[in-house]
Amino acid sequence: MTATKLKRLWQAVAERLPQAVEEGGNPRYPLFAEELGDRGAENLEYYERVKVPDDLRAGIRDSDMALRDASILIDTIHDGYLIPPGVEAEYARDRSFQAEFHRTFNDERDLGAFNVCFALAAFLGLDRFYRVTVARNLLDFGRFPGVSPPEEAHLDRLSIFGPLAPYLVQHGLVDGVLEIYDSISAEIESAIEATIEGDLERRAREEGAGLPFRREDLVGSLDHARHHFLRIAVHTFDPKAAGEYGKRPEVALVHRSRSIEEEGRVPRGAYSGFLPERLLAFTADRLLKAAVTTSLEAAWVPEFSDYPYKLPDGSVEMRMQIWLWYRYLRACFERHQTAAKLEKLKMKDKAIELVTPGKKESDWKTPYELFWMALSNPNQRHLYTRIIHGFLNHRTFPHELPAAQLDPEDLQELLGEVSDFYRDHKGEVARRYRYGGARPSTIVVEVRKDIAVDPEGSARVGAAIAAGVRDYYETWLPKKSAAAAEIVGAL
């Protein structure tokens, strides 16, 4: 992209971004749904898909071969504005609840993250990005589900926390808010699957008979190393924290695990028996991080690494690493089994009815499906996944649970089969995942709020990050993939 075209696009993006309202010298956005305006949201969902206008991204992705092969998802989970319908009635009746909500809303919100997502998606030629719409002071999707005690440290707190937690408990709203948490979790998984599968299907159509689309290509083929999936999570932080000298850097990139690096343990909620620790130390390819850092610094945008925190266990980035690893391990395990044996292990005749409050239809899951759910989802929001997790970690099983619902002998059989497979193939599976295209990158981009709320500032940051991402896909990923092919053995 020429400098002239870049500047025109930069100005066009900045013109489409909302202006912050100044209140007492601090940037503020309007509250609630009127904020949407004509920004192109398809509908008001808890994990909202926001369209990027065609004219802003025209030709970028189609003309850029490096980006055509990329599977990229951009989102922000802390720039929400919505009071959910289930909470709104109590909010309207309780004046102190209203006052506390307004007092904490902007402090917790990642102001300007929407702007940066919009700019970054436009510069990468994407037609969409995503945003969690629920106000963060009501529900923080970047933590494990639950209610935190008042004294809980910031990085240790759960999804419901702080001054509003007592109101949600008092009014009996906790279960409803946590059901929204589950809904967001399912929607994010669907968005990731759609991003990866959609790109593979598109490439299969374009390449014709040369590369038929197969679902197993999602989870193990080194042929797709160049199609590396990337999720960019945009957050914003205050220009200056209490006790700090001077302003914080304009941008920080975060991709290191707090629990592994500082405490020497696997993330809380994860079963360590089939989980290579080294795969969780970083959530993103370090070459990607280096390419983005270089691009930011070249554009005179200062960047600090893993500042002002490292990723807590409950962060989406850490949870996603566990989910995608076990998704991959399951696919490898299933490909190793004969059709007859896999059919036996799936125990389709032992499906259990799962009844979720508020849902008209029940869901049915076999012990096999529940076993993999317990491994891949550290949220532990379901009774059966908690039971299975207790069985895996401590060999405990509730005596009062009828065998007709879940039999510990079935769990022991599954555990034995997967353990045998992992013991015999651990090195090969971990090596192919580490060097192949199945391992994702999820990186947090923290932008200083005074930069993010300014349309020109967010456009400048978005352009610089996009240039680094493009450099990674165009230059560094092909080199790394070629080296990986030699290390692993063959393509």
Foldseek 3Di string as FASTA:
>chain_A
DDPVVLVVLLVVLLVLADFFDDDPNDTHADADDVSCPPQAFPDDAQKTKTFQDCVLLPPQCVVQPLLLLALEAEEEEFQAHDDDPVRVVVCVVDPVLVVVCVVCQVVRGQFLLVLLSNLLCSLSSHGIYIYRHDGQQQFRLFFFQDEADAPDDPLHGHGHYDPNRVVCVVVVNRVVVVVSSVVVVVVVVVVSVCSLLVSQCVVCVVVDPVRHDDPLVQFFDQVSLLHFYEYEYEGADAQDDPPDDGGDFQKEKAWAECCCPPPNDQFQLAQCLQPDPVLQRGLADVLLVVLLCVLCVVLVRHYHYQPPHHRHSSGPSNLVQQQLLLVNLVSVLVVPDDPVVVVVLQPPVLWAWADDPPDPDTDTGGPNRLLSVLNNGSSPPDPSSVQLVCCSPPVDHDPPDDVSHPNVVSSVVVVVSSSVVCVVCVVLSVLSCVQGRSRHHYMYMYGYNVQSSNSSSSSSSSNSSSSSNSCCSVPVSVVSSVVSCVVSPHD
